[in-house]
PDB file of N, CA and C in Angstrom:
ATOM      1  N   MET A   1       0.807  -1.227  -0.013  1.00  0.00           N
ATOM      2  CA  MET A   1      -0.037   0.011  -0.054  1.00  0.00           C
ATOM      3  C   MET A   1       0.913   1.206   0.030  1.00  0.00           C
ATOM      4  N   THR A   2       1.923   1.247   0.908  1.00  0.00           N
ATOM      5  CA  THR A   2       2.832   2.423   0.859  1.00  0.00           C
ATOM      6  C   THR A   2       3.605   2.594  -0.398  1.00  0.00           C
ATOM      7  N   GLN A   3       3.851   1.613  -0.971  1.00  0.00           N
ATOM      8  CA  GLN A   3       4.589   1.641  -2.303  1.00  0.00           C
ATOM      9  C   GLN A   3       3.663   2.244  -3.449  1.00  0.00           C
ATOM     10  N   LYS A   4       2.424   1.878  -3.442  1.00  0.00           N
ATOM     11  CA  LYS A   4       1.438   2.419  -4.348  1.00  0.00           C
ATOM     12  C   LYS A   4       1.225   3.939  -4.109  1.00  0.00           C
ATOM     13  N   MET A   5       1.190   4.452  -2.924  1.00  0.00           N
ATOM     14  CA  MET A   5       1.067   5.757  -2.573  1.00  0.00           C
ATOM     15  C   MET A   5       2.379   6.549  -2.949  1.00  0.00           C
ATOM     16  N   ILE A   6       3.466   6.023  -2.807  1.00  0.00           N
ATOM     17  CA  ILE A   6       4.730   6.628  -3.280  1.00  0.00           C
ATOM     18  C   ILE A   6       4.723   6.802  -4.841  1.00  0.00           C
ATOM     19  N   TYR A   7       4.318   5.717  -5.510  1.00  0.00           N
ATOM     20  CA  TYR A   7       4.227   5.676  -6.961  1.00  0.00           C
ATOM     21  C   TYR A   7       3.205   6.776  -7.433  1.00  0.00           C
ATOM     22  N   PHE A   8       2.049   6.840  -6.838  1.00  0.00           N
ATOM     23  CA  PHE A   8       1.073   7.865  -7.067  1.00  0.00           C
ATOM     24  C   PHE A   8       1.497   9.253  -6.833  1.00  0.00           C
ATOM     25  N   SER A   9       2.212   9.444  -5.752  1.00  0.00           N
ATOM     26  CA  SER A   9       2.733  10.768  -5.372  1.00  0.00           C
ATOM     27  C   SER A   9       3.802  11.147  -6.511  1.00  0.00           C
ATOM     28  N   PHE A  10       4.632  10.132  -6.925  1.00  0.00           N
ATOM     29  CA  PHE A  10       5.609  10.503  -8.018  1.00  0.00           C
ATOM     30  C   PHE A  10       4.945  10.774  -9.279  1.00  0.00           C
ATOM     31  N   MET A  11       3.864  10.014  -9.650  1.00  0.00           N
ATOM     32  CA  MET A  11       3.204  10.393 -10.938  1.00  0.00           C
ATOM     33  C   MET A  11       2.499  11.825 -10.820  1.00  0.00           C
ATOM     34  N   PHE A  12       1.949  12.150  -9.670  1.00  0.00           N
ATOM     35  CA  PHE A  12       1.358  13.379  -9.493  1.00  0.00           C
ATOM     36  C   PHE A  12       2.380  14.471  -9.647  1.00  0.00           C
ATOM     37  N   GLY A  13       3.585  14.299  -9.090  1.00  0.00           N
ATOM     38  CA  GLY A  13       4.676  15.199  -9.245  1.00  0.00           C
ATOM     39  C   GLY A  13       5.166  15.377 -10.712  1.00  0.00           C
ATOM     40  N   VAL A  14       5.153  14.216 -11.335  1.00  0.00           N
ATOM     41  CA  VAL A  14       5.453  14.332 -12.830  1.00  0.00           C
ATOM     42  C   VAL A  14       4.412  15.205 -13.558  1.00  0.00           C
ATOM     43  N   TRP A  15       3.188  14.980 -13.245  1.00  0.00           N
ATOM     44  CA  TRP A  15       2.123  15.775 -13.849  1.00  0.00           C
ATOM     45  C   TRP A  15       2.238  17.205 -13.578  1.00  0.00           C
ATOM     46  N   LEU A  16       2.604  17.473 -12.250  1.00  0.00           N
ATOM     47  CA  LEU A  16       2.654  18.902 -12.017  1.00  0.00           C
ATOM     48  C   LEU A  16       3.888  19.543 -12.665  1.00  0.00           C
ATOM     49  N   VAL A  17       4.993  18.796 -12.822  1.00  0.00           N
ATOM     50  CA  VAL A  17       6.218  19.353 -13.599  1.00  0.00           C
ATOM     51  C   VAL A  17       5.721  19.720 -15.090  1.00  0.00           C
ATOM     52  N   TYR A  18       5.017  18.683 -15.624  1.00  0.00           N
ATOM     53  CA  TYR A  18       4.523  18.812 -17.038  1.00  0.00           C
ATOM     54  C   TYR A  18       3.628  20.172 -17.108  1.00  0.00           C
ATOM     55  N   VAL A  19       2.737  20.299 -16.200  1.00  0.00           N
ATOM     56  CA  VAL A  19       1.722  21.428 -16.247  1.00  0.00           C
ATOM     57  C   VAL A  19       2.548  22.695 -15.985  1.00  0.00           C
ATOM     58  N   GLY A  20       3.408  22.701 -15.063  1.00  0.00           N
ATOM     59  CA  GLY A  20       4.310  23.918 -14.762  1.00  0.00           C
ATOM     60  C   GLY A  20       5.208  24.305 -15.821  1.00  0.00           C
ATOM     61  N   SER A  21       5.631  23.319 -16.640  1.00  0.00           N
ATOM     62  CA  SER A  21       6.538  23.736 -17.713  1.00  0.00           C
ATOM     63  C   SER A  21       5.878  24.115 -19.001  1.00  0.00           C
ATOM     64  N   MET A  22       4.609  23.654 -19.127  1.00  0.00           N
ATOM     65  CA  MET A  22       3.865  24.007 -20.424  1.00  0.00           C
ATOM     66  C   MET A  22       2.842  25.206 -20.325  1.00  0.00           C
ATOM     67  N   PHE A  23       2.431  25.411 -19.041  1.00  0.00           N
ATOM     68  CA  PHE A  23       1.529  26.548 -18.833  1.00  0.00           C
ATOM     69  C   PHE A  23       2.129  27.877 -19.255  1.00  0.00           C
ATOM     70  N   PRO A  24       3.311  28.328 -18.932  1.00  0.00           N
ATOM     71  CA  PRO A  24       3.818  29.572 -19.443  1.00  0.00           C
ATOM     72  C   PRO A  24       3.949  29.662 -20.928  1.00  0.00           C
ATOM     73  N   ILE A  25       4.312  28.418 -21.609  1.00  0.00           N
ATOM     74  CA  ILE A  25       4.368  28.438 -22.976  1.00  0.00           C
ATOM     75  C   ILE A  25       3.055  28.769 -23.698  1.00  0.00           C
ATOM     76  N   PHE A  26       2.016  27.922 -23.171  1.00  0.00           N
ATOM     77  CA  PHE A  26       0.649  28.217 -23.699  1.00  0.00           C
ATOM     78  C   PHE A  26       0.177  29.557 -23.334  1.00  0.00           C
ATOM     79  N   LEU A  27       0.621  30.205 -22.290  1.00  0.00           N
ATOM     80  CA  LEU A  27       0.127  31.487 -21.800  1.00  0.00           C
ATOM     81  C   LEU A  27       0.625  32.549 -22.854  1.00  0.00           C
ATOM     82  N   LEU A  28       1.570  32.308 -23.515  1.00  0.00           N
ATOM     83  CA  LEU A  28       2.028  33.212 -24.628  1.00  0.00           C
ATOM     84  C   LEU A  28       0.991  33.322 -25.807  1.00  0.00           C
ATOM     85  N   PHE A  29       0.354  32.321 -26.011  1.00  0.00           N
ATOM     86  CA  PHE A  29      -0.586  32.272 -27.103  1.00  0.00           C
ATOM     87  C   PHE A  29      -2.035  32.234 -26.865  1.00  0.00           C
ATOM     88  N   LYS A  30      -2.415  31.962 -25.611  1.00  0.00           N
ATOM     89  CA  LYS A  30      -3.856  31.898 -25.355  1.00  0.00           C
ATOM     90  C   LYS A  30      -4.089  32.629 -24.044  1.00  0.00           C
ATOM     91  N   SER A  31      -5.443  32.775 -23.617  1.00  0.00           N
ATOM     92  CA  SER A  31      -5.768  33.451 -22.370  1.00  0.00           C
ATOM     93  C   SER A  31      -5.388  32.524 -21.263  1.00  0.00           C
ATOM     94  N   LEU A  32      -5.484  32.983 -20.055  1.00  0.00           N
ATOM     95  CA  LEU A  32      -5.236  32.327 -18.761  1.00  0.00           C
ATOM     96  C   LEU A  32      -5.935  31.050 -18.618  1.00  0.00           C
ATOM     97  N   GLY A  33      -7.229  31.031 -18.816  1.00  0.00           N
ATOM     98  CA  GLY A  33      -8.098  29.821 -18.700  1.00  0.00           C
ATOM     99  C   GLY A  33      -7.710  28.884 -19.681  1.00  0.00           C
ATOM    100  N   GLN A  34      -7.701  29.291 -20.936  1.00  0.00           N
ATOM    101  CA  GLN A  34      -7.498  28.283 -22.011  1.00  0.00           C
ATOM    102  C   GLN A  34      -6.122  27.650 -21.919  1.00  0.00           C
ATOM    103  N   SER A  35      -5.147  28.502 -21.555  1.00  0.00           N
ATOM    104  CA  SER A  35      -3.772  27.917 -21.436  1.00  0.00           C
ATOM    105  C   SER A  35      -3.607  26.890 -20.289  1.00  0.00           C
ATOM    106  N   LEU A  36      -4.265  27.085 -19.210  1.00  0.00           N
ATOM    107  CA  LEU A  36      -4.218  26.203 -18.163  1.00  0.00           C
ATOM    108  C   LEU A  36      -4.943  24.953 -18.452  1.00  0.00           C
ATOM    109  N   HIS A  37      -6.046  25.075 -19.063  1.00  0.00           N
ATOM    110  CA  HIS A  37      -6.877  23.971 -19.555  1.00  0.00           C
ATOM    111  C   HIS A  37      -6.070  23.024 -20.488  1.00  0.00           C
ATOM    112  N   VAL A  38      -5.443  23.653 -21.540  1.00  0.00           N
ATOM    113  CA  VAL A  38      -4.685  22.865 -22.477  1.00  0.00           C
ATOM    114  C   VAL A  38      -3.488  22.244 -21.883  1.00  0.00           C
ATOM    115  N   ALA A  39      -2.786  23.056 -20.988  1.00  0.00           N
ATOM    116  CA  ALA A  39      -1.590  22.449 -20.251  1.00  0.00           C
ATOM    117  C   ALA A  39      -1.958  21.274 -19.435  1.00  0.00           C
ATOM    118  N   MET A  40      -3.126  21.242 -18.829  1.00  0.00           N
ATOM    119  CA  MET A  40      -3.553  20.104 -17.993  1.00  0.00           C
ATOM    120  C   MET A  40      -3.876  18.946 -18.781  1.00  0.00           C
ATOM    121  N   ILE A  41      -4.538  19.215 -19.972  1.00  0.00           N
ATOM    122  CA  ILE A  41      -4.749  18.113 -20.896  1.00  0.00           C
ATOM    123  C   ILE A  41      -3.581  17.425 -21.502  1.00  0.00           C
ATOM    124  N   VAL A  42      -2.656  18.187 -21.910  1.00  0.00           N
ATOM    125  CA  VAL A  42      -1.292  17.744 -22.534  1.00  0.00           C
ATOM    126  C   VAL A  42      -0.518  17.062 -21.419  1.00  0.00           C
ATOM    127  N   ALA A  43      -0.479  17.705 -20.222  1.00  0.00           N
ATOM    128  CA  ALA A  43       0.232  16.966 -19.172  1.00  0.00           C
ATOM    129  C   ALA A  43      -0.305  15.559 -18.774  1.00  0.00           C
ATOM    130  N   SER A  44      -1.657  15.473 -18.858  1.00  0.00           N
ATOM    131  CA  SER A  44      -2.329  14.273 -18.582  1.00  0.00           C
ATOM    132  C   SER A  44      -1.876  13.162 -19.621  1.00  0.00           C
ATOM    133  N   VAL A  45      -1.923  13.542 -20.885  1.00  0.00           N
ATOM    134  CA  VAL A  45      -1.554  12.638 -21.988  1.00  0.00           C
ATOM    135  C   VAL A  45      -0.070  12.238 -21.899  1.00  0.00           C
ATOM    136  N   LEU A  46       0.853  13.141 -21.428  1.00  0.00           N
ATOM    137  CA  LEU A  46       2.246  12.894 -21.386  1.00  0.00           C
ATOM    138  C   LEU A  46       2.459  11.991 -20.243  1.00  0.00           C
ATOM    139  N   THR A  47       1.668  12.214 -19.112  1.00  0.00           N
ATOM    140  CA  THR A  47       1.863  11.339 -17.966  1.00  0.00           C
ATOM    141  C   THR A  47       1.428   9.901 -18.298  1.00  0.00           C
ATOM    142  N   PHE A  48       0.319   9.698 -18.966  1.00  0.00           N
ATOM    143  CA  PHE A  48      -0.054   8.339 -19.302  1.00  0.00           C
ATOM    144  C   PHE A  48       0.890   7.791 -20.323  1.00  0.00           C
ATOM    145  N   LEU A  49       1.456   8.401 -21.271  1.00  0.00           N
ATOM    146  CA  LEU A  49       2.458   7.830 -22.119  1.00  0.00           C
ATOM    147  C   LEU A  49       3.601   7.473 -21.200  1.00  0.00           C
ATOM    148  N   PHE A  50       4.121   8.265 -20.305  1.00  0.00           N
ATOM    149  CA  PHE A  50       5.132   7.993 -19.429  1.00  0.00           C
ATOM    150  C   PHE A  50       5.035   6.713 -18.673  1.00  0.00           C
ATOM    151  N   ILE A  51       3.733   6.559 -18.133  1.00  0.00           N
ATOM    152  CA  ILE A  51       3.377   5.332 -17.385  1.00  0.00           C
ATOM    153  C   ILE A  51       3.375   4.106 -18.365  1.00  0.00           C
ATOM    154  N   ILE A  52       2.812   4.234 -19.595  1.00  0.00           N
ATOM    155  CA  ILE A  52       2.864   3.156 -20.470  1.00  0.00           C
ATOM    156  C   ILE A  52       4.342   2.609 -20.869  1.00  0.00           C
ATOM    157  N   VAL A  53       5.227   3.655 -21.147  1.00  0.00           N
ATOM    158  CA  VAL A  53       6.573   3.383 -21.542  1.00  0.00           C
ATOM    159  C   VAL A  53       7.260   2.773 -20.268  1.00  0.00           C
ATOM    160  N   GLN A  54       7.041   3.266 -19.133  1.00  0.00           N
ATOM    161  CA  GLN A  54       7.670   2.741 -17.906  1.00  0.00           C
ATOM    162  C   GLN A  54       7.138   1.291 -17.663  1.00  0.00           C
ATOM    163  N   ARG A  55       6.012   0.938 -17.811  1.00  0.00           N
ATOM    164  CA  ARG A  55       5.486  -0.410 -17.607  1.00  0.00           C
ATOM    165  C   ARG A  55       6.011  -1.363 -18.800  1.00  0.00           C
ATOM    166  N   THR A  56       6.150  -0.927 -19.957  1.00  0.00           N
ATOM    167  CA  THR A  56       6.590  -1.598 -21.065  1.00  0.00           C
ATOM    168  C   THR A  56       8.049  -2.158 -20.847  1.00  0.00           C
ATOM    169  N   PHE A  57       8.905  -1.123 -20.424  1.00  0.00           N
ATOM    170  CA  PHE A  57      10.269  -1.465 -20.089  1.00  0.00           C
ATOM    171  C   PHE A  57      10.389  -2.354 -18.954  1.00  0.00           C
ATOM    172  N   LYS A  58       9.610  -2.187 -17.984  1.00  0.00           N
ATOM    173  CA  LYS A  58       9.590  -3.075 -16.750  1.00  0.00           C
ATOM    174  C   LYS A  58       9.203  -4.488 -17.215  1.00  0.00           C
ATOM    175  N   GLY A  59       8.285  -4.615 -18.132  1.00  0.00           N
ATOM    176  CA  GLY A  59       7.899  -5.973 -18.631  1.00  0.00           C
ATOM    177  C   GLY A  59       8.960  -6.540 -19.483  1.00  0.00           C
ATOM    178  N   LEU A  60       9.706  -5.714 -20.313  1.00  0.00           N
ATOM    179  CA  LEU A  60      10.691  -6.241 -21.043  1.00  0.00           C
ATOM    180  C   LEU A  60      11.967  -6.672 -20.176  1.00  0.00           C
ATOM    181  N   HIS A  61      12.137  -5.953 -19.140  1.00  0.00           N
ATOM    182  CA  HIS A  61      13.241  -6.353 -18.103  1.00  0.00           C
ATOM    183  C   HIS A  61      12.833  -7.674 -17.551  1.00  0.00           C
ATOM    184  N   LEU A  62      11.583  -7.821 -17.247  1.00  0.00           N
ATOM    185  CA  LEU A  62      11.200  -9.157 -16.572  1.00  0.00           C
ATOM    186  C   LEU A  62      11.354 -10.272 -17.627  1.00  0.00           C
ATOM    187  N   ILE A  63      11.020 -10.043 -18.858  1.00  0.00           N
ATOM    188  CA  ILE A  63      11.145 -11.115 -19.818  1.00  0.00           C
ATOM    189  C   ILE A  63      12.710 -11.462 -20.028  1.00  0.00           C
ATOM    190  N   ASN A  64      13.557 -10.452 -20.077  1.00  0.00           N
ATOM    191  CA  ASN A  64      14.994 -10.671 -20.242  1.00  0.00           C
ATOM    192  C   ASN A  64      15.499 -11.349 -18.933  1.00  0.00           C
ATOM    193  N   GLN A  65      15.066 -11.098 -17.869  1.00  0.00           N
ATOM    194  CA  GLN A  65      15.492 -11.797 -16.581  1.00  0.00           C
ATOM    195  C   GLN A  65      15.016 -13.269 -16.623  1.00  0.00           C
ATOM    196  N   LEU A  66      13.787 -13.549 -17.073  1.00  0.00           N
ATOM    197  CA  LEU A  66      13.275 -14.805 -17.195  1.00  0.00           C
ATOM    198  C   LEU A  66      14.019 -15.602 -18.192  1.00  0.00           C
ATOM    199  N   GLN A  67      14.502 -15.052 -19.283  1.00  0.00           N
ATOM    200  CA  GLN A  67      15.137 -15.809 -20.360  1.00  0.00           C
ATOM    201  C   GLN A  67      16.573 -16.167 -19.936  1.00  0.00           C
ATOM    202  N   LYS A  68      17.115 -15.098 -19.193  1.00  0.00           N
ATOM    203  CA  LYS A  68      18.443 -15.426 -18.547  1.00  0.00           C
ATOM    204  C   LYS A  68      18.471 -16.541 -17.552  1.00  0.00           C
ATOM    205  N   ASN A  69      17.436 -16.567 -16.733  1.00  0.00           N
ATOM    206  CA  ASN A  69      17.308 -17.666 -15.809  1.00  0.00           C
ATOM    207  C   ASN A  69      17.114 -19.005 -16.387  1.00  0.00           C
ATOM    208  N   ILE A  70      16.258 -19.094 -17.478  1.00  0.00           N
ATOM    209  CA  ILE A  70      16.082 -20.344 -18.216  1.00  0.00           C
ATOM    210  C   ILE A  70      17.368 -20.710 -18.903  1.00  0.00           C
ATOM    211  N   GLY A  71      18.196 -19.758 -19.523  1.00  0.00           N
ATOM    212  CA  GLY A  71      19.387 -20.127 -20.094  1.00  0.00           C
ATOM    213  C   GLY A  71      20.438 -20.659 -19.104  1.00  0.00           C
ATOM    214  N   GLU A  72      20.441 -20.196 -17.937  1.00  0.00           N
ATOM    215  CA  GLU A  72      21.332 -20.545 -16.934  1.00  0.00           C
ATOM    216  C   GLU A  72      21.071 -21.976 -16.471  1.00  0.00           C
ATOM    217  N   LYS A  73      19.681 -22.352 -16.324  1.00  0.00           N
ATOM    218  CA  LYS A  73      19.311 -23.694 -15.856  1.00  0.00           C
ATOM    219  C   LYS A  73      19.524 -24.803 -16.954  1.00  0.00           C
ATOM    220  N   GLY A  74      19.343 -24.325 -18.193  1.00  0.00           N
ATOM    221  CA  GLY A  74      19.399 -25.283 -19.300  1.00  0.00           C
ATOM    222  C   GLY A  74      20.571 -25.444 -19.947  1.00  0.00           C
TER     223      GLY A  74
END
């Protein structure tokens, strides 16, 4: 449970970094409300992509470890 809360806090921090870095850029081109809205949407998409890539590489690592263990036994 604690590990999940740490992971959730980390993902929320990543999302905040994305919003914080994109909001000023969008503010140059749009109004305050629009730029915040677009920054939140883009940050959410990037965070989901980050999670997908992270889980994919974790899965690939597990597959490589499994193949290595099978190779050592066989």
